[in-house]
């Protein structure tokens, strides 16, 4: 039987910790008034990391996915 999504996402998973840390750095940079380019770079990095986790979970669940780049 396939695992449910809540069973697959562990808060202590290194990938999740990395994604959450990236999101934290983005929010801190935004709040501290850092350069727009740096804030955008951090946003893109955080978004990429969370998307990678989501894509992995979809794959593990065996759900249909879009084209892989």
PDB file of N, CA and C in Angstrom:
ATOM      1  N   UNK A   1       0.842  -1.185   0.000  1.00  0.00           N
ATOM      2  CA  UNK A   1       0.000   0.000   0.000  1.00  0.00           C
ATOM      3  C   UNK A   1       0.884   1.245   0.000  1.00  0.00           C
ATOM      4  N   UNK A   2       0.522   2.219  -0.819  1.00  0.00           N
ATOM      5  CA  UNK A   2       1.302   3.446  -0.911  1.00  0.00           C
ATOM      6  C   UNK A   2       1.174   4.260   0.366  1.00  0.00           C
ATOM      7  N   UNK A   3       2.249   4.923   0.706  1.00  0.00           N
ATOM      8  CA  UNK A   3       2.236   5.784   1.884  1.00  0.00           C
ATOM      9  C   UNK A   3       1.436   7.052   1.590  1.00  0.00           C
ATOM     10  N   UNK A   4       0.826   7.593   2.616  1.00  0.00           N
ATOM     11  CA  UNK A   4       0.156   8.868   2.479  1.00  0.00           C
ATOM     12  C   UNK A   4       1.190   9.987   2.521  1.00  0.00           C
ATOM     13  N   UNK A   5       0.836  11.118   1.990  1.00  0.00           N
ATOM     14  CA  UNK A   5       1.759  12.246   1.927  1.00  0.00           C
ATOM     15  C   UNK A   5       2.247  12.651   3.316  1.00  0.00           C
ATOM     16  N   UNK A   6       1.360  12.627   4.305  1.00  0.00           N
ATOM     17  CA  UNK A   6       1.771  13.022   5.658  1.00  0.00           C
ATOM     18  C   UNK A   6       2.798  12.058   6.242  1.00  0.00           C
ATOM     19  N   UNK A   7       2.780  10.805   5.795  1.00  0.00           N
ATOM     20  CA  UNK A   7       3.778   9.841   6.266  1.00  0.00           C
ATOM     21  C   UNK A   7       5.115  10.026   5.567  1.00  0.00           C
ATOM     22  N   UNK A   8       5.089  10.616   4.375  1.00  0.00           N
ATOM     23  CA  UNK A   8       6.304  10.771   3.581  1.00  0.00           C
ATOM     24  C   UNK A   8       7.107  12.012   3.965  1.00  0.00           C
ATOM     25  N   UNK A   9       6.438  13.044   4.413  1.00  0.00           N
ATOM     26  CA  UNK A   9       7.127  14.292   4.738  1.00  0.00           C
ATOM     27  C   UNK A   9       7.500  14.267   6.207  1.00  0.00           C
ATOM     28  N   UNK A  10       8.778  14.212   6.462  1.00  0.00           N
ATOM     29  CA  UNK A  10       9.261  14.214   7.843  1.00  0.00           C
ATOM     30  C   UNK A  10       9.949  15.546   8.104  1.00  0.00           C
ATOM     31  N   UNK A  11       9.598  16.152   9.203  1.00  0.00           N
ATOM     32  CA  UNK A  11      10.146  17.470   9.504  1.00  0.00           C
ATOM     33  C   UNK A  11      11.646  17.439   9.721  1.00  0.00           C
ATOM     34  N   UNK A  12      12.205  16.281  10.042  1.00  0.00           N
ATOM     35  CA  UNK A  12      13.652  16.203  10.238  1.00  0.00           C
ATOM     36  C   UNK A  12      14.387  15.688   8.994  1.00  0.00           C
ATOM     37  N   UNK A  13      13.666  15.561   7.883  1.00  0.00           N
ATOM     38  CA  UNK A  13      14.273  15.146   6.622  1.00  0.00           C
ATOM     39  C   UNK A  13      15.264  16.233   6.185  1.00  0.00           C
ATOM     40  N   UNK A  14      16.491  15.866   5.840  1.00  0.00           N
ATOM     41  CA  UNK A  14      17.486  16.866   5.443  1.00  0.00           C
ATOM     42  C   UNK A  14      17.029  17.758   4.282  1.00  0.00           C
ATOM     43  N   UNK A  15      16.272  17.185   3.353  1.00  0.00           N
ATOM     44  CA  UNK A  15      15.777  18.003   2.231  1.00  0.00           C
ATOM     45  C   UNK A  15      14.795  19.052   2.725  1.00  0.00           C
ATOM     46  N   UNK A  16      13.927  18.656   3.646  1.00  0.00           N
ATOM     47  CA  UNK A  16      12.948  19.602   4.176  1.00  0.00           C
ATOM     48  C   UNK A  16      13.645  20.672   5.007  1.00  0.00           C
ATOM     49  N   UNK A  17      14.620  20.269   5.806  1.00  0.00           N
ATOM     50  CA  UNK A  17      15.368  21.241   6.605  1.00  0.00           C
ATOM     51  C   UNK A  17      16.085  22.252   5.701  1.00  0.00           C
ATOM     52  N   UNK A  18      16.654  21.767   4.597  1.00  0.00           N
ATOM     53  CA  UNK A  18      17.332  22.663   3.661  1.00  0.00           C
ATOM     54  C   UNK A  18      16.345  23.645   3.029  1.00  0.00           C
ATOM     55  N   UNK A  19      15.181  23.156   2.629  1.00  0.00           N
ATOM     56  CA  UNK A  19      14.172  24.017   2.009  1.00  0.00           C
ATOM     57  C   UNK A  19      13.650  25.057   3.004  1.00  0.00           C
ATOM     58  N   UNK A  20      13.372  24.635   4.217  1.00  0.00           N
ATOM     59  CA  UNK A  20      12.887  25.566   5.244  1.00  0.00           C
ATOM     60  C   UNK A  20      13.961  26.607   5.569  1.00  0.00           C
ATOM     61  N   UNK A  21      15.214  26.177   5.646  1.00  0.00           N
ATOM     62  CA  UNK A  21      16.307  27.124   5.882  1.00  0.00           C
ATOM     63  C   UNK A  21      16.426  28.140   4.761  1.00  0.00           C
ATOM     64  N   UNK A  22      16.254  27.685   3.525  1.00  0.00           N
ATOM     65  CA  UNK A  22      16.308  28.599   2.381  1.00  0.00           C
ATOM     66  C   UNK A  22      15.170  29.607   2.445  1.00  0.00           C
ATOM     67  N   UNK A  23      13.979  29.152   2.830  1.00  0.00           N
ATOM     68  CA  UNK A  23      12.843  30.063   2.954  1.00  0.00           C
ATOM     69  C   UNK A  23      13.084  31.072   4.073  1.00  0.00           C
ATOM     70  N   UNK A  24      13.682  30.621   5.163  1.00  0.00           N
ATOM     71  CA  UNK A  24      13.997  31.521   6.274  1.00  0.00           C
ATOM     72  C   UNK A  24      14.991  32.595   5.825  1.00  0.00           C
ATOM     73  N   UNK A  25      16.027  32.174   5.089  1.00  0.00           N
ATOM     74  CA  UNK A  25      17.025  33.141   4.602  1.00  0.00           C
ATOM     75  C   UNK A  25      16.395  34.152   3.652  1.00  0.00           C
ATOM     76  N   UNK A  26      15.466  33.693   2.837  1.00  0.00           N
ATOM     77  CA  UNK A  26      14.749  34.604   1.931  1.00  0.00           C
ATOM     78  C   UNK A  26      13.972  35.655   2.726  1.00  0.00           C
ATOM     79  N   UNK A  27      13.193  35.215   3.708  1.00  0.00           N
ATOM     80  CA  UNK A  27      12.390  36.154   4.496  1.00  0.00           C
ATOM     81  C   UNK A  27      13.278  37.114   5.290  1.00  0.00           C
ATOM     82  N   UNK A  28      14.379  36.617   5.824  1.00  0.00           N
ATOM     83  CA  UNK A  28      15.302  37.488   6.559  1.00  0.00           C
ATOM     84  C   UNK A  28      15.918  38.534   5.640  1.00  0.00           C
ATOM     85  N   UNK A  29      16.298  38.124   4.439  1.00  0.00           N
ATOM     86  CA  UNK A  29      16.891  39.063   3.485  1.00  0.00           C
ATOM     87  C   UNK A  29      15.873  40.121   3.078  1.00  0.00           C
ATOM     88  N   UNK A  30      14.657  39.680   2.849  1.00  0.00           N
ATOM     89  CA  UNK A  30      13.595  40.615   2.460  1.00  0.00           C
ATOM     90  C   UNK A  30      13.322  41.625   3.574  1.00  0.00           C
ATOM     91  N   UNK A  31      13.259  41.135   4.811  1.00  0.00           N
ATOM     92  CA  UNK A  31      12.965  42.008   5.948  1.00  0.00           C
ATOM     93  C   UNK A  31      14.099  42.976   6.240  1.00  0.00           C
ATOM     94  N   UNK A  32      15.336  42.575   5.940  1.00  0.00           N
ATOM     95  CA  UNK A  32      16.473  43.432   6.245  1.00  0.00           C
ATOM     96  C   UNK A  32      16.796  44.419   5.136  1.00  0.00           C
ATOM     97  N   UNK A  33      16.023  44.365   4.049  1.00  0.00           N
ATOM     98  CA  UNK A  33      16.211  45.335   2.973  1.00  0.00           C
ATOM     99  C   UNK A  33      17.407  45.060   2.078  1.00  0.00           C
ATOM    100  N   UNK A  34      17.799  43.808   1.973  1.00  0.00           N
ATOM    101  CA  UNK A  34      18.921  43.466   1.097  1.00  0.00           C
ATOM    102  C   UNK A  34      18.555  43.745  -0.347  1.00  0.00           C
ATOM    103  N   UNK A  35      19.551  43.751  -1.196  1.00  0.00           N
ATOM    104  CA  UNK A  35      19.370  44.079  -2.610  1.00  0.00           C
ATOM    105  C   UNK A  35      18.307  43.179  -3.248  1.00  0.00           C
ATOM    106  N   UNK A  36      17.505  43.786  -4.133  1.00  0.00           N
ATOM    107  CA  UNK A  36      16.430  43.044  -4.789  1.00  0.00           C
ATOM    108  C   UNK A  36      16.933  41.783  -5.486  1.00  0.00           C
ATOM    109  N   UNK A  37      18.079  41.871  -6.111  1.00  0.00           N
ATOM    110  CA  UNK A  37      18.619  40.732  -6.831  1.00  0.00           C
ATOM    111  C   UNK A  37      18.942  39.569  -5.888  1.00  0.00           C
ATOM    112  N   UNK A  38      19.475  39.875  -4.730  1.00  0.00           N
ATOM    113  CA  UNK A  38      19.804  38.860  -3.733  1.00  0.00           C
ATOM    114  C   UNK A  38      18.532  38.240  -3.162  1.00  0.00           C
ATOM    115  N   UNK A  39      17.529  39.065  -2.879  1.00  0.00           N
ATOM    116  CA  UNK A  39      16.255  38.570  -2.356  1.00  0.00           C
ATOM    117  C   UNK A  39      15.608  37.636  -3.375  1.00  0.00           C
ATOM    118  N   UNK A  40      15.629  38.032  -4.640  1.00  0.00           N
ATOM    119  CA  UNK A  40      15.038  37.207  -5.687  1.00  0.00           C
ATOM    120  C   UNK A  40      15.794  35.885  -5.837  1.00  0.00           C
ATOM    121  N   UNK A  41      17.108  35.914  -5.738  1.00  0.00           N
ATOM    122  CA  UNK A  41      17.913  34.694  -5.821  1.00  0.00           C
ATOM    123  C   UNK A  41      17.526  33.724  -4.702  1.00  0.00           C
ATOM    124  N   UNK A  42      17.358  34.254  -3.499  1.00  0.00           N
ATOM    125  CA  UNK A  42      16.978  33.415  -2.364  1.00  0.00           C
ATOM    126  C   UNK A  42      15.562  32.868  -2.513  1.00  0.00           C
ATOM    127  N   UNK A  43      14.664  33.668  -3.075  1.00  0.00           N
ATOM    128  CA  UNK A  43      13.290  33.208  -3.309  1.00  0.00           C
ATOM    129  C   UNK A  43      13.273  32.052  -4.305  1.00  0.00           C
ATOM    130  N   UNK A  44      14.020  32.215  -5.383  1.00  0.00           N
ATOM    131  CA  UNK A  44      14.072  31.175  -6.410  1.00  0.00           C
ATOM    132  C   UNK A  44      14.673  29.892  -5.842  1.00  0.00           C
ATOM    133  N   UNK A  45      15.710  30.015  -5.047  1.00  0.00           N
ATOM    134  CA  UNK A  45      16.334  28.838  -4.439  1.00  0.00           C
ATOM    135  C   UNK A  45      15.336  28.106  -3.535  1.00  0.00           C
ATOM    136  N   UNK A  46      14.647  28.844  -2.677  1.00  0.00           N
ATOM    137  CA  UNK A  46      13.670  28.223  -1.776  1.00  0.00           C
ATOM    138  C   UNK A  46      12.556  27.555  -2.574  1.00  0.00           C
ATOM    139  N   UNK A  47      12.058  28.234  -3.589  1.00  0.00           N
ATOM    140  CA  UNK A  47      10.996  27.673  -4.413  1.00  0.00           C
ATOM    141  C   UNK A  47      11.470  26.386  -5.099  1.00  0.00           C
ATOM    142  N   UNK A  48      12.682  26.395  -5.617  1.00  0.00           N
ATOM    143  CA  UNK A  48      13.245  25.220  -6.274  1.00  0.00           C
ATOM    144  C   UNK A  48      13.324  24.035  -5.314  1.00  0.00           C
ATOM    145  N   UNK A  49      13.800  24.283  -4.101  1.00  0.00           N
ATOM    146  CA  UNK A  49      13.960  23.197  -3.131  1.00  0.00           C
ATOM    147  C   UNK A  49      12.616  22.591  -2.738  1.00  0.00           C
ATOM    148  N   UNK A  50      11.612  23.436  -2.499  1.00  0.00           N
ATOM    149  CA  UNK A  50      10.294  22.916  -2.161  1.00  0.00           C
ATOM    150  C   UNK A  50       9.673  22.176  -3.341  1.00  0.00           C
ATOM    151  N   UNK A  51       9.891  22.677  -4.565  1.00  0.00           N
ATOM    152  CA  UNK A  51       9.359  22.002  -5.739  1.00  0.00           C
ATOM    153  C   UNK A  51      10.012  20.641  -5.931  1.00  0.00           C
ATOM    154  N   UNK A  52      11.309  20.553  -5.654  1.00  0.00           N
ATOM    155  CA  UNK A  52      12.010  19.271  -5.770  1.00  0.00           C
ATOM    156  C   UNK A  52      11.415  18.248  -4.799  1.00  0.00           C
ATOM    157  N   UNK A  53      11.077  18.689  -3.599  1.00  0.00           N
ATOM    158  CA  UNK A  53      10.453  17.794  -2.618  1.00  0.00           C
ATOM    159  C   UNK A  53       9.077  17.353  -3.122  1.00  0.00           C
ATOM    160  N   UNK A  54       8.303  18.299  -3.627  1.00  0.00           N
ATOM    161  CA  UNK A  54       6.969  17.975  -4.137  1.00  0.00           C
ATOM    162  C   UNK A  54       7.060  17.001  -5.310  1.00  0.00           C
ATOM    163  N   UNK A  55       7.976  17.242  -6.223  1.00  0.00           N
ATOM    164  CA  UNK A  55       8.148  16.353  -7.376  1.00  0.00           C
ATOM    165  C   UNK A  55       8.544  14.949  -6.933  1.00  0.00           C
ATOM    166  N   UNK A  56       9.435  14.873  -5.973  1.00  0.00           N
ATOM    167  CA  UNK A  56       9.855  13.574  -5.454  1.00  0.00           C
ATOM    168  C   UNK A  56       8.670  12.834  -4.838  1.00  0.00           C
ATOM    169  N   UNK A  57       7.881  13.528  -4.052  1.00  0.00           N
ATOM    170  CA  UNK A  57       6.742  12.899  -3.392  1.00  0.00           C
ATOM    171  C   UNK A  57       5.712  12.401  -4.408  1.00  0.00           C
ATOM    172  N   UNK A  58       5.470  13.181  -5.453  1.00  0.00           N
ATOM    173  CA  UNK A  58       4.548  12.758  -6.504  1.00  0.00           C
ATOM    174  C   UNK A  58       5.076  11.487  -7.164  1.00  0.00           C
ATOM    175  N   UNK A  59       6.370  11.454  -7.428  1.00  0.00           N
ATOM    176  CA  UNK A  59       6.988  10.279  -8.040  1.00  0.00           C
ATOM    177  C   UNK A  59       6.851   9.052  -7.133  1.00  0.00           C
ATOM    178  N   UNK A  60       7.132   9.221  -5.851  1.00  0.00           N
ATOM    179  CA  UNK A  60       7.054   8.108  -4.898  1.00  0.00           C
ATOM    180  C   UNK A  60       5.623   7.587  -4.789  1.00  0.00           C
ATOM    181  N   UNK A  61       4.663   8.487  -4.851  1.00  0.00           N
ATOM    182  CA  UNK A  61       3.261   8.072  -4.770  1.00  0.00           C
ATOM    183  C   UNK A  61       2.788   7.397  -6.052  1.00  0.00           C
ATOM    184  N   UNK A  62       3.586   7.514  -7.106  1.00  0.00           N
ATOM    185  CA  UNK A  62       3.211   6.893  -8.372  1.00  0.00           C
ATOM    186  C   UNK A  62       2.176   7.648  -9.159  1.00  0.00           C
ATOM    187  N   UNK A  63       2.047   8.932  -8.862  1.00  0.00           N
ATOM    188  CA  UNK A  63       1.070   9.757  -9.565  1.00  0.00           C
ATOM    189  C   UNK A  63       1.645  10.216 -10.905  1.00  0.00           C
ATOM    190  N   UNK A  64       0.778  10.513 -11.856  1.00  0.00           N
ATOM    191  CA  UNK A  64       1.283  10.989 -13.144  1.00  0.00           C
ATOM    192  C   UNK A  64       1.984  12.341 -12.980  1.00  0.00           C
ATOM    193  N   UNK A  65       3.057  12.516 -13.726  1.00  0.00           N
ATOM    194  CA  UNK A  65       3.813  13.757 -13.672  1.00  0.00           C
ATOM    195  C   UNK A  65       3.939  14.353 -15.062  1.00  0.00           C
ATOM    196  N   UNK A  66       4.332  15.589 -15.101  1.00  0.00           N
ATOM    197  CA  UNK A  66       4.575  16.256 -16.373  1.00  0.00           C
ATOM    198  C   UNK A  66       5.936  15.838 -16.907  1.00  0.00           C
ATOM    199  N   UNK A  67       6.341  16.462 -17.985  1.00  0.00           N
ATOM    200  CA  UNK A  67       7.638  16.125 -18.571  1.00  0.00           C
ATOM    201  C   UNK A  67       8.782  16.451 -17.621  1.00  0.00           C
ATOM    202  N   UNK A  68       9.767  15.582 -17.570  1.00  0.00           N
ATOM    203  CA  UNK A  68      10.949  15.811 -16.734  1.00  0.00           C
ATOM    204  C   UNK A  68      11.993  16.557 -17.544  1.00  0.00           C
ATOM    205  N   UNK A  69      12.496  17.628 -17.018  1.00  0.00           N
ATOM    206  CA  UNK A  69      13.502  18.442 -17.734  1.00  0.00           C
ATOM    207  C   UNK A  69      14.870  18.104 -17.244  1.00  0.00           C
TER     208      UNK A  69
END
